[in-house]
């Protein structure tokens, strides 16, 4: 066991699952908007709203991560830490 503090790394499987989940969600949303029986401007509005939501979610998660790292707060959830 190692008690040395270090930057926590996610496993490749966890990273792959996160990327695949994001890709499936975006593809399903895009297909749903494309198949929607509405005018083109309504579908375009929904597509822009989804893109704005995704970019703001990425920004929010980065801001929260940066704030925690600068405060020196250790994450309370460490899924791959051996004890």
N, C-alpha and C. Protein backbone atom coordinates (compact mmCIF):
# COMPACT_ATOMS: atom_id res chain seq x y z
N UNK A 1 0.84 -1.18 0.00
CA UNK A 1 0.00 0.00 0.00
C UNK A 1 0.87 1.23 0.00
N UNK A 2 0.40 2.23 -0.67
CA UNK A 2 1.14 3.47 -0.75
C UNK A 2 0.32 4.59 -0.15
N UNK A 3 0.94 5.35 0.73
CA UNK A 3 0.24 6.48 1.35
C UNK A 3 0.67 7.80 0.75
N UNK A 4 1.43 7.77 -0.32
CA UNK A 4 1.88 9.01 -0.94
C UNK A 4 0.75 9.64 -1.72
N UNK A 5 0.52 10.93 -1.48
CA UNK A 5 -0.55 11.60 -2.23
C UNK A 5 -0.13 11.78 -3.68
N UNK A 6 -1.07 11.64 -4.55
CA UNK A 6 -0.79 11.81 -5.96
C UNK A 6 -2.08 12.09 -6.70
N UNK A 7 -1.93 12.46 -7.92
CA UNK A 7 -3.11 12.72 -8.73
C UNK A 7 -3.77 11.40 -9.08
N UNK A 8 -5.05 11.31 -8.82
CA UNK A 8 -5.77 10.07 -9.07
C UNK A 8 -6.04 9.92 -10.56
N UNK A 9 -5.80 8.72 -11.05
CA UNK A 9 -6.02 8.42 -12.46
C UNK A 9 -7.18 7.44 -12.59
N UNK A 10 -8.00 7.66 -13.58
CA UNK A 10 -9.06 6.71 -13.87
C UNK A 10 -8.51 5.58 -14.74
N UNK A 11 -9.17 4.45 -14.67
CA UNK A 11 -8.74 3.34 -15.50
C UNK A 11 -9.17 3.58 -16.94
N UNK A 12 -8.57 2.85 -17.85
CA UNK A 12 -8.92 2.97 -19.27
C UNK A 12 -10.37 2.53 -19.51
N UNK A 13 -10.81 1.53 -18.76
CA UNK A 13 -12.20 1.06 -18.92
C UNK A 13 -13.20 2.11 -18.48
N UNK A 14 -12.91 2.80 -17.38
CA UNK A 14 -13.80 3.86 -16.90
C UNK A 14 -13.86 5.00 -17.90
N UNK A 15 -12.70 5.39 -18.43
CA UNK A 15 -12.64 6.44 -19.44
C UNK A 15 -13.42 6.03 -20.69
N UNK A 16 -13.22 4.80 -21.14
CA UNK A 16 -13.93 4.30 -22.32
C UNK A 16 -15.43 4.26 -22.12
N UNK A 17 -15.85 3.86 -20.93
CA UNK A 17 -17.29 3.82 -20.63
C UNK A 17 -17.87 5.23 -20.64
N UNK A 18 -17.14 6.19 -20.11
CA UNK A 18 -17.63 7.57 -20.09
C UNK A 18 -17.74 8.14 -21.50
N UNK A 19 -16.74 7.88 -22.32
CA UNK A 19 -16.76 8.37 -23.71
C UNK A 19 -17.89 7.69 -24.50
N UNK A 20 -18.03 6.39 -24.34
CA UNK A 20 -19.09 5.65 -25.06
C UNK A 20 -20.47 6.12 -24.61
N UNK A 21 -20.64 6.34 -23.34
CA UNK A 21 -21.93 6.81 -22.82
C UNK A 21 -22.28 8.18 -23.39
N UNK A 22 -21.28 9.05 -23.42
CA UNK A 22 -21.50 10.39 -23.98
C UNK A 22 -21.85 10.30 -25.46
N UNK A 23 -21.14 9.48 -26.20
CA UNK A 23 -21.38 9.34 -27.64
C UNK A 23 -22.79 8.78 -27.91
N UNK A 24 -23.19 7.78 -27.15
CA UNK A 24 -24.53 7.20 -27.33
C UNK A 24 -25.61 8.23 -27.01
N UNK A 25 -25.43 8.98 -25.92
CA UNK A 25 -26.42 9.98 -25.54
C UNK A 25 -26.53 11.07 -26.60
N UNK A 26 -25.40 11.55 -27.11
CA UNK A 26 -25.43 12.59 -28.14
C UNK A 26 -26.04 12.06 -29.44
N UNK A 27 -25.70 10.84 -29.83
CA UNK A 27 -26.25 10.26 -31.04
C UNK A 27 -27.76 10.05 -30.91
N UNK A 28 -28.21 9.55 -29.78
CA UNK A 28 -29.65 9.33 -29.57
C UNK A 28 -30.41 10.65 -29.60
N UNK A 29 -29.84 11.68 -28.99
CA UNK A 29 -30.48 12.99 -29.01
C UNK A 29 -30.52 13.56 -30.42
N UNK A 30 -29.42 13.44 -31.16
CA UNK A 30 -29.38 13.94 -32.53
C UNK A 30 -30.39 13.22 -33.42
N UNK A 31 -30.48 11.90 -33.28
CA UNK A 31 -31.45 11.13 -34.07
C UNK A 31 -32.87 11.52 -33.68
N UNK A 32 -33.11 11.69 -32.39
CA UNK A 32 -34.43 12.10 -31.94
C UNK A 32 -34.84 13.46 -32.48
N UNK A 33 -33.91 14.40 -32.49
CA UNK A 33 -34.22 15.73 -33.03
C UNK A 33 -34.43 15.64 -34.53
N UNK A 34 -33.61 14.85 -35.22
CA UNK A 34 -33.73 14.71 -36.67
C UNK A 34 -35.07 14.07 -37.05
N UNK A 35 -35.52 13.09 -36.29
CA UNK A 35 -36.75 12.37 -36.60
C UNK A 35 -38.01 13.10 -36.11
N UNK A 36 -37.83 14.16 -35.36
CA UNK A 36 -38.96 14.90 -34.81
C UNK A 36 -39.83 15.47 -35.93
N UNK A 37 -41.12 15.28 -35.83
CA UNK A 37 -42.01 15.82 -36.86
C UNK A 37 -42.37 17.26 -36.49
N UNK A 38 -41.43 18.13 -36.79
CA UNK A 38 -41.62 19.56 -36.51
C UNK A 38 -40.90 20.34 -37.61
N UNK A 39 -41.13 21.64 -37.61
CA UNK A 39 -40.47 22.49 -38.60
C UNK A 39 -38.96 22.47 -38.38
N UNK A 40 -38.25 22.83 -39.44
CA UNK A 40 -36.79 22.82 -39.37
C UNK A 40 -36.27 23.79 -38.32
N UNK A 41 -36.92 24.94 -38.15
CA UNK A 41 -36.43 25.90 -37.17
C UNK A 41 -36.59 25.38 -35.74
N UNK A 42 -37.61 24.56 -35.50
CA UNK A 42 -37.80 23.98 -34.17
C UNK A 42 -36.69 22.96 -33.90
N UNK A 43 -36.39 22.11 -34.89
CA UNK A 43 -35.31 21.14 -34.73
C UNK A 43 -33.97 21.84 -34.55
N UNK A 44 -33.74 22.92 -35.30
CA UNK A 44 -32.48 23.68 -35.17
C UNK A 44 -32.37 24.30 -33.78
N UNK A 45 -33.48 24.83 -33.28
CA UNK A 45 -33.47 25.42 -31.94
C UNK A 45 -33.13 24.36 -30.89
N UNK A 46 -33.73 23.19 -31.01
CA UNK A 46 -33.45 22.11 -30.06
C UNK A 46 -31.99 21.65 -30.15
N UNK A 47 -31.46 21.57 -31.36
CA UNK A 47 -30.06 21.16 -31.53
C UNK A 47 -29.11 22.17 -30.89
N UNK A 48 -29.37 23.46 -31.10
CA UNK A 48 -28.53 24.49 -30.48
C UNK A 48 -28.66 24.44 -28.97
N UNK A 49 -29.87 24.21 -28.46
CA UNK A 49 -30.07 24.12 -27.02
C UNK A 49 -29.29 22.95 -26.43
N UNK A 50 -29.28 21.80 -27.11
CA UNK A 50 -28.53 20.64 -26.64
C UNK A 50 -27.03 20.94 -26.64
N UNK A 51 -26.52 21.54 -27.70
CA UNK A 51 -25.11 21.88 -27.76
C UNK A 51 -24.72 22.87 -26.65
N UNK A 52 -25.58 23.84 -26.39
CA UNK A 52 -25.31 24.80 -25.32
C UNK A 52 -25.31 24.11 -23.96
N UNK A 53 -26.24 23.21 -23.76
CA UNK A 53 -26.30 22.47 -22.50
C UNK A 53 -25.04 21.63 -22.30
N UNK A 54 -24.58 20.97 -23.35
CA UNK A 54 -23.38 20.13 -23.24
C UNK A 54 -22.15 20.98 -22.93
N UNK A 55 -21.97 22.07 -23.66
CA UNK A 55 -20.79 22.91 -23.41
C UNK A 55 -20.83 23.54 -22.03
N UNK A 56 -22.00 23.96 -21.56
CA UNK A 56 -22.07 24.54 -20.22
C UNK A 56 -21.84 23.48 -19.15
N UNK A 57 -22.24 22.24 -19.38
CA UNK A 57 -21.98 21.17 -18.42
C UNK A 57 -20.48 20.88 -18.34
N UNK A 58 -19.79 20.86 -19.48
CA UNK A 58 -18.34 20.67 -19.47
C UNK A 58 -17.65 21.81 -18.72
N UNK A 59 -18.08 23.04 -18.98
CA UNK A 59 -17.48 24.19 -18.31
C UNK A 59 -17.72 24.13 -16.80
N UNK A 60 -18.94 23.80 -16.39
CA UNK A 60 -19.24 23.71 -14.97
C UNK A 60 -18.40 22.64 -14.29
N UNK A 61 -18.26 21.48 -14.91
CA UNK A 61 -17.47 20.42 -14.29
C UNK A 61 -16.00 20.83 -14.18
N UNK A 62 -15.47 21.55 -15.17
CA UNK A 62 -14.09 22.02 -15.11
C UNK A 62 -13.92 23.05 -14.00
N UNK A 63 -14.86 23.95 -13.86
CA UNK A 63 -14.77 24.97 -12.82
C UNK A 63 -14.81 24.33 -11.43
N UNK A 64 -15.68 23.37 -11.24
CA UNK A 64 -15.77 22.68 -9.95
C UNK A 64 -14.48 21.92 -9.66
N UNK A 65 -13.95 21.22 -10.67
CA UNK A 65 -12.69 20.50 -10.48
C UNK A 65 -11.54 21.45 -10.14
N UNK A 66 -11.44 22.56 -10.87
CA UNK A 66 -10.38 23.52 -10.61
C UNK A 66 -10.49 24.12 -9.22
N UNK A 67 -11.69 24.40 -8.78
CA UNK A 67 -11.89 24.97 -7.45
C UNK A 67 -11.47 23.96 -6.37
N UNK A 68 -11.81 22.69 -6.55
CA UNK A 68 -11.42 21.68 -5.58
C UNK A 68 -9.91 21.48 -5.56
N UNK A 69 -9.29 21.49 -6.73
CA UNK A 69 -7.84 21.31 -6.78
C UNK A 69 -7.11 22.48 -6.15
N UNK A 70 -7.60 23.70 -6.34
CA UNK A 70 -6.92 24.86 -5.77
C UNK A 70 -7.12 24.95 -4.26
N UNK A 71 -8.22 24.39 -3.75
CA UNK A 71 -8.46 24.41 -2.31
C UNK A 71 -7.73 23.29 -1.61
N UNK A 72 -7.18 22.35 -2.36
CA UNK A 72 -6.46 21.24 -1.76
C UNK A 72 -7.38 20.23 -1.12
N UNK A 73 -8.62 20.23 -1.53
CA UNK A 73 -9.59 19.29 -0.97
C UNK A 73 -9.46 17.97 -1.71
N UNK A 74 -9.26 16.92 -0.96
CA UNK A 74 -9.18 15.59 -1.56
C UNK A 74 -10.58 15.13 -1.93
N UNK A 75 -10.75 14.48 -3.06
CA UNK A 75 -12.08 13.99 -3.42
C UNK A 75 -12.57 12.95 -2.41
N UNK A 76 -13.84 13.03 -2.08
CA UNK A 76 -14.39 12.10 -1.11
C UNK A 76 -14.68 10.74 -1.73
N UNK A 77 -14.68 10.67 -3.04
CA UNK A 77 -14.98 9.43 -3.74
C UNK A 77 -13.75 9.00 -4.51
N UNK A 78 -13.20 7.88 -4.15
CA UNK A 78 -12.01 7.36 -4.81
C UNK A 78 -12.31 5.92 -5.23
N UNK A 79 -12.88 5.72 -6.42
CA UNK A 79 -13.36 4.39 -6.80
C UNK A 79 -12.29 3.33 -6.97
N UNK A 80 -11.06 3.71 -7.26
CA UNK A 80 -10.04 2.71 -7.55
C UNK A 80 -8.90 2.74 -6.56
N UNK A 81 -9.15 3.31 -5.41
CA UNK A 81 -8.11 3.39 -4.39
C UNK A 81 -8.10 2.10 -3.56
N UNK A 82 -6.94 1.50 -3.43
CA UNK A 82 -6.81 0.31 -2.60
C UNK A 82 -6.53 0.73 -1.17
N UNK A 83 -7.16 0.04 -0.26
CA UNK A 83 -6.95 0.38 1.15
C UNK A 83 -6.35 -0.77 1.88
